[in-house]
Amino acid sequence: SFKKLLEARISALEIVAKGMLEGKNILRDRYV
């Protein structure tokens, strides 16, 4: 489960990085 959760978090980083480049604030509803 830890490894899978880590995969989930890493896969979401692309969305985070895109938002940061667009100058948006990032709010993570994080369960990981």
PDB file of all heavy atoms in Angstrom:
ATOM      1  N   SER A   1       0.823  -1.201   0.000  1.00  0.00           N
ATOM      2  CA  SER A   1       0.000   0.000   0.000  1.00  0.00           C
ATOM      3  C   SER A   1       0.857   1.251   0.000  1.00  0.00           C
ATOM      4  O   SER A   1       0.538   2.233  -0.680  1.00  0.00           O
ATOM      5  CB  SER A   1      -0.952   0.006   1.205  1.00  0.00           C
ATOM      6  OG  SER A   1      -0.239   0.039   2.421  1.00  0.00           O
ATOM      7  N   PHE A   2       1.967   1.214   0.742  1.00  0.00           N
ATOM      8  CA  PHE A   2       2.869   2.374   0.755  1.00  0.00           C
ATOM      9  C   PHE A   2       3.408   2.648  -0.650  1.00  0.00           C
ATOM     10  O   PHE A   2       3.401   3.788  -1.122  1.00  0.00           O
ATOM     11  CB  PHE A   2       4.027   2.135   1.718  1.00  0.00           C
ATOM     12  CG  PHE A   2       5.113   3.181   1.601  1.00  0.00           C
ATOM     13  CD1 PHE A   2       4.943   4.437   2.149  1.00  0.00           C
ATOM     14  CD2 PHE A   2       6.282   2.903   0.920  1.00  0.00           C
ATOM     15  CE1 PHE A   2       5.930   5.397   2.026  1.00  0.00           C
ATOM     16  CE2 PHE A   2       7.270   3.863   0.783  1.00  0.00           C
ATOM     17  CZ  PHE A   2       7.095   5.116   1.344  1.00  0.00           C
ATOM     18  N   LYS A   3       3.857   1.609  -1.314  1.00  0.00           N
ATOM     19  CA  LYS A   3       4.404   1.783  -2.666  1.00  0.00           C
ATOM     20  C   LYS A   3       3.351   2.300  -3.638  1.00  0.00           C
ATOM     21  O   LYS A   3       3.628   3.158  -4.480  1.00  0.00           O
ATOM     22  CB  LYS A   3       4.984   0.450  -3.158  1.00  0.00           C
ATOM     23  CG  LYS A   3       6.259   0.032  -2.427  1.00  0.00           C
ATOM     24  CD  LYS A   3       6.793  -1.289  -2.969  1.00  0.00           C
ATOM     25  CE  LYS A   3       8.101  -1.665  -2.298  1.00  0.00           C
ATOM     26  NZ  LYS A   3       8.631  -2.962  -2.785  1.00  0.00           N
ATOM     27  N   LYS A   4       2.133   1.797  -3.504  1.00  0.00           N
ATOM     28  CA  LYS A   4       1.064   2.238  -4.391  1.00  0.00           C
ATOM     29  C   LYS A   4       0.676   3.690  -4.107  1.00  0.00           C
ATOM     30  O   LYS A   4       0.426   4.479  -5.018  1.00  0.00           O
ATOM     31  CB  LYS A   4      -0.151   1.317  -4.252  1.00  0.00           C
ATOM     32  CG  LYS A   4       0.059  -0.069  -4.861  1.00  0.00           C
ATOM     33  CD  LYS A   4      -1.161  -0.940  -4.716  1.00  0.00           C
ATOM     34  CE  LYS A   4      -0.939  -2.300  -5.360  1.00  0.00           C
ATOM     35  NZ  LYS A   4      -0.762  -2.196  -6.818  1.00  0.00           N
ATOM     36  N   LEU A   5       0.632   4.052  -2.831  1.00  0.00           N
ATOM     37  CA  LEU A   5       0.312   5.428  -2.468  1.00  0.00           C
ATOM     38  C   LEU A   5       1.382   6.390  -2.971  1.00  0.00           C
ATOM     39  O   LEU A   5       1.089   7.516  -3.387  1.00  0.00           O
ATOM     40  CB  LEU A   5       0.167   5.545  -0.950  1.00  0.00           C
ATOM     41  CG  LEU A   5      -1.097   4.901  -0.371  1.00  0.00           C
ATOM     42  CD1 LEU A   5      -0.980   4.754   1.142  1.00  0.00           C
ATOM     43  CD2 LEU A   5      -2.326   5.726  -0.721  1.00  0.00           C
ATOM     44  N   LEU A   6       2.624   5.922  -2.936  1.00  0.00           N
ATOM     45  CA  LEU A   6       3.724   6.739  -3.450  1.00  0.00           C
ATOM     46  C   LEU A   6       3.561   6.949  -4.955  1.00  0.00           C
ATOM     47  O   LEU A   6       3.777   8.055  -5.467  1.00  0.00           O
ATOM     48  CB  LEU A   6       5.061   6.057  -3.146  1.00  0.00           C
ATOM     49  CG  LEU A   6       6.306   6.943  -3.089  1.00  0.00           C
ATOM     50  CD1 LEU A   6       6.136   8.057  -2.064  1.00  0.00           C
ATOM     51  CD2 LEU A   6       7.533   6.104  -2.748  1.00  0.00           C
ATOM     52  N   GLU A   7       3.150   5.906  -5.656  1.00  0.00           N
ATOM     53  CA  GLU A   7       2.898   6.015  -7.099  1.00  0.00           C
ATOM     54  C   GLU A   7       1.797   7.035  -7.369  1.00  0.00           C
ATOM     55  O   GLU A   7       1.895   7.844  -8.300  1.00  0.00           O
ATOM     56  CB  GLU A   7       2.475   4.652  -7.659  1.00  0.00           C
ATOM     57  CG  GLU A   7       3.575   3.606  -7.716  1.00  0.00           C
ATOM     58  CD  GLU A   7       3.044   2.266  -8.169  1.00  0.00           C
ATOM     59  OE1 GLU A   7       1.874   2.208  -8.611  1.00  0.00           O
ATOM     60  OE2 GLU A   7       3.776   1.263  -8.083  1.00  0.00           O
ATOM     61  N   ALA A   8       0.748   6.994  -6.549  1.00  0.00           N
ATOM     62  CA  ALA A   8      -0.371   7.920  -6.724  1.00  0.00           C
ATOM     63  C   ALA A   8       0.088   9.350  -6.530  1.00  0.00           C
ATOM     64  O   ALA A   8      -0.286  10.256  -7.293  1.00  0.00           O
ATOM     65  CB  ALA A   8      -1.492   7.587  -5.740  1.00  0.00           C
ATOM     66  N   ARG A   9       0.906   9.557  -5.528  1.00  0.00           N
ATOM     67  CA  ARG A   9       1.365  10.921  -5.247  1.00  0.00           C
ATOM     68  C   ARG A   9       2.253  11.444  -6.364  1.00  0.00           C
ATOM     69  O   ARG A   9       2.131  12.575  -6.800  1.00  0.00           O
ATOM     70  CB  ARG A   9       2.124  10.949  -3.928  1.00  0.00           C
ATOM     71  CG  ARG A   9       2.594  12.346  -3.591  1.00  0.00           C
ATOM     72  CD  ARG A   9       2.511  12.626  -2.116  1.00  0.00           C
ATOM     73  NE  ARG A   9       2.551  14.056  -1.906  1.00  0.00           N
ATOM     74  CZ  ARG A   9       3.395  14.661  -1.098  1.00  0.00           C
ATOM     75  NH1 ARG A   9       4.249  13.964  -0.398  1.00  0.00           N
ATOM     76  NH2 ARG A   9       3.374  15.962  -0.951  1.00  0.00           N
ATOM     77  N   ILE A  10       3.164  10.596  -6.829  1.00  0.00           N
ATOM     78  CA  ILE A  10       4.067  11.010  -7.904  1.00  0.00           C
ATOM     79  C   ILE A  10       3.283  11.309  -9.182  1.00  0.00           C
ATOM     80  O   ILE A  10       3.576  12.270  -9.899  1.00  0.00           O
ATOM     81  CB  ILE A  10       5.137   9.925  -8.147  1.00  0.00           C
ATOM     82  CG1 ILE A  10       6.095   9.869  -6.942  1.00  0.00           C
ATOM     83  CG2 ILE A  10       5.916  10.205  -9.428  1.00  0.00           C
ATOM     84  CD1 ILE A  10       7.083   8.720  -6.990  1.00  0.00           C
ATOM     85  N   SER A  11       2.252  10.498  -9.462  1.00  0.00           N
ATOM     86  CA  SER A  11       1.461  10.713 -10.677  1.00  0.00           C
ATOM     87  C   SER A  11       0.712  12.045 -10.632  1.00  0.00           C
ATOM     88  O   SER A  11       0.425  12.640 -11.672  1.00  0.00           O
ATOM     89  CB  SER A  11       0.469   9.566 -10.882  1.00  0.00           C
ATOM     90  OG  SER A  11      -0.577   9.604  -9.937  1.00  0.00           O
ATOM     91  N   ALA A  12       0.398  12.530  -9.425  1.00  0.00           N
ATOM     92  CA  ALA A  12      -0.325  13.796  -9.293  1.00  0.00           C
ATOM     93  C   ALA A  12       0.601  15.006  -9.393  1.00  0.00           C
ATOM     94  O   ALA A  12       0.131  16.135  -9.565  1.00  0.00           O
ATOM     95  CB  ALA A  12      -1.070  13.831  -7.954  1.00  0.00           C
ATOM     96  N   LEU A  13       1.910  14.775  -9.308  1.00  0.00           N
ATOM     97  CA  LEU A  13       2.854  15.887  -9.325  1.00  0.00           C
ATOM     98  C   LEU A  13       2.859  16.636 -10.657  1.00  0.00           C
ATOM     99  O   LEU A  13       3.177  17.824 -10.701  1.00  0.00           O
ATOM    100  CB  LEU A  13       4.264  15.397  -8.993  1.00  0.00           C
ATOM    101  CG  LEU A  13       4.479  14.900  -7.556  1.00  0.00           C
ATOM    102  CD1 LEU A  13       5.936  14.523  -7.336  1.00  0.00           C
ATOM    103  CD2 LEU A  13       4.045  15.952  -6.545  1.00  0.00           C
ATOM    104  N   GLU A  14       2.514  15.950 -11.747  1.00  0.00           N
ATOM    105  CA  GLU A  14       2.459  16.619 -13.049  1.00  0.00           C
ATOM    106  C   GLU A  14       1.397  17.717 -13.032  1.00  0.00           C
ATOM    107  O   GLU A  14       1.599  18.805 -13.587  1.00  0.00           O
ATOM    108  CB  GLU A  14       2.158  15.603 -14.151  1.00  0.00           C
ATOM    109  CG  GLU A  14       2.170  16.217 -15.543  1.00  0.00           C
ATOM    110  CD  GLU A  14       1.968  15.182 -16.639  1.00  0.00           C
ATOM    111  OE1 GLU A  14       2.075  13.978 -16.355  1.00  0.00           O
ATOM    112  OE2 GLU A  14       1.694  15.602 -17.779  1.00  0.00           O
ATOM    113  N   ILE A  15       0.256  17.424 -12.390  1.00  0.00           N
ATOM    114  CA  ILE A  15      -0.816  18.411 -12.277  1.00  0.00           C
ATOM    115  C   ILE A  15      -0.364  19.577 -11.409  1.00  0.00           C
ATOM    116  O   ILE A  15      -0.615  20.747 -11.715  1.00  0.00           O
ATOM    117  CB  ILE A  15      -2.080  17.758 -11.682  1.00  0.00           C
ATOM    118  CG1 ILE A  15      -2.587  16.658 -12.610  1.00  0.00           C
ATOM    119  CG2 ILE A  15      -3.168  18.806 -11.442  1.00  0.00           C
ATOM    120  CD1 ILE A  15      -3.721  15.850 -12.031  1.00  0.00           C
ATOM    121  N   VAL A  16       0.327  19.257 -10.323  1.00  0.00           N
ATOM    122  CA  VAL A  16       0.834  20.289  -9.420  1.00  0.00           C
ATOM    123  C   VAL A  16       1.834  21.186 -10.144  1.00  0.00           C
ATOM    124  O   VAL A  16       1.758  22.420 -10.074  1.00  0.00           O
ATOM    125  CB  VAL A  16       1.503  19.653  -8.181  1.00  0.00           C
ATOM    126  CG1 VAL A  16       2.193  20.723  -7.334  1.00  0.00           C
ATOM    127  CG2 VAL A  16       0.471  18.904  -7.351  1.00  0.00           C
ATOM    128  N   ALA A  17       2.776  20.561 -10.851  1.00  0.00           N
ATOM    129  CA  ALA A  17       3.809  21.322 -11.557  1.00  0.00           C
ATOM    130  C   ALA A  17       3.194  22.237 -12.611  1.00  0.00           C
ATOM    131  O   ALA A  17       3.611  23.393 -12.771  1.00  0.00           O
ATOM    132  CB  ALA A  17       4.808  20.359 -12.209  1.00  0.00           C
ATOM    133  N   LYS A  18       2.188  21.743 -13.339  1.00  0.00           N
ATOM    134  CA  LYS A  18       1.513  22.548 -14.361  1.00  0.00           C
ATOM    135  C   LYS A  18       0.837  23.762 -13.719  1.00  0.00           C
ATOM    136  O   LYS A  18       0.924  24.887 -14.220  1.00  0.00           O
ATOM    137  CB  LYS A  18       0.487  21.702 -15.100  1.00  0.00           C
ATOM    138  CG  LYS A  18      -0.233  22.423 -16.242  1.00  0.00           C
ATOM    139  CD  LYS A  18      -1.150  21.460 -16.975  1.00  0.00           C
ATOM    140  CE  LYS A  18      -1.821  22.132 -18.171  1.00  0.00           C
ATOM    141  NZ  LYS A  18      -2.788  23.170 -17.738  1.00  0.00           N
ATOM    142  N   GLY A  19       0.173  23.533 -12.585  1.00  0.00           N
ATOM    143  CA  GLY A  19      -0.485  24.621 -11.889  1.00  0.00           C
ATOM    144  C   GLY A  19       0.500  25.665 -11.393  1.00  0.00           C
ATOM    145  O   GLY A  19       0.245  26.873 -11.481  1.00  0.00           O
ATOM    146  N   MET A  20       1.646  25.212 -10.900  1.00  0.00           N
ATOM    147  CA  MET A  20       2.670  26.132 -10.425  1.00  0.00           C
ATOM    148  C   MET A  20       3.203  26.994 -11.564  1.00  0.00           C
ATOM    149  O   MET A  20       3.410  28.203 -11.401  1.00  0.00           O
ATOM    150  CB  MET A  20       3.803  25.343  -9.761  1.00  0.00           C
ATOM    151  CG  MET A  20       3.398  24.665  -8.454  1.00  0.00           C
ATOM    152  SD  MET A  20       4.658  23.510  -7.819  1.00  0.00           S
ATOM    153  CE  MET A  20       5.997  24.636  -7.431  1.00  0.00           C
ATOM    154  N   LEU A  21       3.411  26.383 -12.732  1.00  0.00           N
ATOM    155  CA  LEU A  21       3.903  27.125 -13.892  1.00  0.00           C
ATOM    156  C   LEU A  21       2.893  28.171 -14.353  1.00  0.00           C
ATOM    157  O   LEU A  21       3.267  29.217 -14.908  1.00  0.00           O
ATOM    158  CB  LEU A  21       4.220  26.164 -15.045  1.00  0.00           C
ATOM    159  CG  LEU A  21       5.472  25.306 -14.875  1.00  0.00           C
ATOM    160  CD1 LEU A  21       5.567  24.281 -15.992  1.00  0.00           C
ATOM    161  CD2 LEU A  21       6.731  26.186 -14.856  1.00  0.00           C
ATOM    162  N   GLU A  22       1.614  27.906 -14.116  1.00  0.00           N
ATOM    163  CA  GLU A  22       0.559  28.842 -14.506  1.00  0.00           C
ATOM    164  C   GLU A  22       0.318  29.908 -13.438  1.00  0.00           C
ATOM    165  O   GLU A  22      -0.578  30.741 -13.569  1.00  0.00           O
ATOM    166  CB  GLU A  22      -0.741  28.073 -14.780  1.00  0.00           C
ATOM    167  CG  GLU A  22      -0.650  27.150 -15.989  1.00  0.00           C
ATOM    168  CD  GLU A  22      -1.888  26.277 -16.145  1.00  0.00           C
ATOM    169  OE1 GLU A  22      -2.714  26.241 -15.199  1.00  0.00           O
ATOM    170  OE2 GLU A  22      -2.020  25.627 -17.200  1.00  0.00           O
ATOM    171  N   GLY A  23       1.135  29.868 -12.371  1.00  0.00           N
ATOM    172  CA  GLY A  23       1.022  30.870 -11.315  1.00  0.00           C
ATOM    173  C   GLY A  23      -0.149  30.660 -10.377  1.00  0.00           C
ATOM    174  O   GLY A  23      -0.605  31.611  -9.718  1.00  0.00           O
ATOM    175  N   LYS A  24      -0.645  29.435 -10.298  1.00  0.00           N
ATOM    176  CA  LYS A  24      -1.793  29.152  -9.435  1.00  0.00           C
ATOM    177  C   LYS A  24      -1.340  28.651  -8.054  1.00  0.00           C
ATOM    178  O   LYS A  24      -0.297  28.024  -7.924  1.00  0.00           O
ATOM    179  CB  LYS A  24      -2.692  28.094 -10.086  1.00  0.00           C
ATOM    180  CG  LYS A  24      -3.342  28.567 -11.369  1.00  0.00           C
ATOM    181  CD  LYS A  24      -4.195  27.477 -11.978  1.00  0.00           C
ATOM    182  CE  LYS A  24      -4.851  27.967 -13.269  1.00  0.00           C
ATOM    183  NZ  LYS A  24      -5.654  26.904 -13.912  1.00  0.00           N
ATOM    184  N   ASN A  25      -2.141  28.962  -7.049  1.00  0.00           N
ATOM    185  CA  ASN A  25      -1.925  28.402  -5.728  1.00  0.00           C
ATOM    186  C   ASN A  25      -2.385  26.947  -5.748  1.00  0.00           C
ATOM    187  O   ASN A  25      -3.400  26.624  -6.377  1.00  0.00           O
ATOM    188  CB  ASN A  25      -2.701  29.182  -4.667  1.00  0.00           C
ATOM    189  CG  ASN A  25      -2.142  30.572  -4.441  1.00  0.00           C
ATOM    190  OD1 ASN A  25      -0.923  30.741  -4.358  1.00  0.00           O
ATOM    191  ND2 ASN A  25      -3.021  31.557  -4.335  1.00  0.00           N
ATOM    192  N   ILE A  26      -1.646  26.110  -5.057  1.00  0.00           N
ATOM    193  CA  ILE A  26      -1.963  24.677  -5.030  1.00  0.00           C
ATOM    194  C   ILE A  26      -2.526  24.303  -3.672  1.00  0.00           C
ATOM    195  O   ILE A  26      -1.921  24.572  -2.636  1.00  0.00           O
ATOM    196  CB  ILE A  26      -0.710  23.821  -5.308  1.00  0.00           C
ATOM    197  CG1 ILE A  26       0.008  24.292  -6.583  1.00  0.00           C
ATOM    198  CG2 ILE A  26      -1.094  22.347  -5.405  1.00  0.00           C
ATOM    199  CD1 ILE A  26      -0.823  24.215  -7.840  1.00  0.00           C
ATOM    200  N   LEU A  27      -3.701  23.700  -3.697  1.00  0.00           N
ATOM    201  CA  LEU A  27      -4.356  23.247  -2.467  1.00  0.00           C
ATOM    202  C   LEU A  27      -4.575  21.749  -2.592  1.00  0.00           C
ATOM    203  O   LEU A  27      -5.391  21.297  -3.392  1.00  0.00           O
ATOM    204  CB  LEU A  27      -5.686  23.972  -2.281  1.00  0.00           C
ATOM    205  CG  LEU A  27      -6.525  23.636  -1.044  1.00  0.00           C
ATOM    206  CD1 LEU A  27      -5.713  23.838   0.231  1.00  0.00           C
ATOM    207  CD2 LEU A  27      -7.786  24.483  -1.021  1.00  0.00           C
ATOM    208  N   ARG A  28      -3.822  20.986  -1.834  1.00  0.00           N
ATOM    209  CA  ARG A  28      -3.924  19.523  -1.921  1.00  0.00           C
ATOM    210  C   ARG A  28      -4.843  18.980  -0.842  1.00  0.00           C
ATOM    211  O   ARG A  28      -4.614  19.174   0.341  1.00  0.00           O
ATOM    212  CB  ARG A  28      -2.546  18.876  -1.763  1.00  0.00           C
ATOM    213  CG  ARG A  28      -1.492  19.422  -2.694  1.00  0.00           C
ATOM    214  CD  ARG A  28      -0.201  18.660  -2.491  1.00  0.00           C
ATOM    215  NE  ARG A  28       0.943  19.449  -2.914  1.00  0.00           N
ATOM    216  CZ  ARG A  28       1.989  18.962  -3.547  1.00  0.00           C
ATOM    217  NH1 ARG A  28       2.042  17.690  -3.848  1.00  0.00           N
ATOM    218  NH2 ARG A  28       2.997  19.744  -3.891  1.00  0.00           N
ATOM    219  N   ASP A  29      -5.879  18.328  -1.292  1.00  0.00           N
ATOM    220  CA  ASP A  29      -6.727  17.575  -0.377  1.00  0.00           C
ATOM    221  C   ASP A  29      -6.049  16.215  -0.279  1.00  0.00           C
ATOM    222  O   ASP A  29      -6.322  15.316  -1.057  1.00  0.00           O
ATOM    223  CB  ASP A  29      -8.134  17.467  -0.967  1.00  0.00           C
ATOM    224  CG  ASP A  29      -9.061  16.618  -0.112  1.00  0.00           C
ATOM    225  OD1 ASP A  29      -8.600  16.057   0.895  1.00  0.00           O
ATOM    226  OD2 ASP A  29     -10.239  16.505  -0.464  1.00  0.00           O
ATOM    227  N   ARG A  30      -5.138  16.115   0.673  1.00  0.00           N
ATOM    228  CA  ARG A  30      -4.228  14.973   0.636  1.00  0.00           C
ATOM    229  C   ARG A  30      -4.608  13.879   1.619  1.00  0.00           C
ATOM    230  O   ARG A  30      -4.740  14.102   2.808  1.00  0.00           O
ATOM    231  CB  ARG A  30      -2.794  15.447   0.921  1.00  0.00           C
ATOM    232  CG  ARG A  30      -1.762  14.357   0.699  1.00  0.00           C
ATOM    233  CD  ARG A  30      -0.362  14.914   0.687  1.00  0.00           C
ATOM    234  NE  ARG A  30       0.103  15.281   2.005  1.00  0.00           N
ATOM    235  CZ  ARG A  30       1.204  15.988   2.242  1.00  0.00           C
ATOM    236  NH1 ARG A  30       1.920  16.423   1.232  1.00  0.00           N
ATOM    237  NH2 ARG A  30       1.583  16.273   3.443  1.00  0.00           N
ATOM    238  N   TYR A  31      -4.705  12.701   1.082  1.00  0.00           N
ATOM    239  CA  TYR A  31      -4.981  11.527   1.903  1.00  0.00           C
ATOM    240  C   TYR A  31      -3.759  10.611   1.935  1.00  0.00           C
ATOM    241  O   TYR A  31      -3.701   9.682   2.720  1.00  0.00           O
ATOM    242  CB  TYR A  31      -6.173  10.780   1.309  1.00  0.00           C
ATOM    243  CG  TYR A  31      -6.703   9.656   2.153  1.00  0.00           C
ATOM    244  CD1 TYR A  31      -7.230   9.911   3.414  1.00  0.00           C
ATOM    245  CD2 TYR A  31      -6.692   8.355   1.693  1.00  0.00           C
ATOM    246  CE1 TYR A  31      -7.736   8.881   4.189  1.00  0.00           C
ATOM    247  CE2 TYR A  31      -7.196   7.324   2.447  1.00  0.00           C
ATOM    248  CZ  TYR A  31      -7.723   7.587   3.695  1.00  0.00           C
ATOM    249  OH  TYR A  31      -8.222   6.574   4.450  1.00  0.00           O
ATOM    250  N   VAL A  32      -2.780  10.904   1.079  1.00  0.00           N
ATOM    251  CA  VAL A  32      -1.662   9.983   0.901  1.00  0.00           C
ATOM    252  C   VAL A  32      -0.783   9.866   2.147  1.00  0.00           C
ATOM    253  O   VAL A  32      -0.559   8.782   2.666  1.00  0.00           O
ATOM    254  CB  VAL A  32      -0.812  10.383  -0.323  1.00  0.00           C
ATOM    255  CG1 VAL A  32       0.458   9.561  -0.386  1.00  0.00           C
ATOM    256  CG2 VAL A  32      -1.616  10.173  -1.595  1.00  0.00           C
TER     257      VAL A  32
END
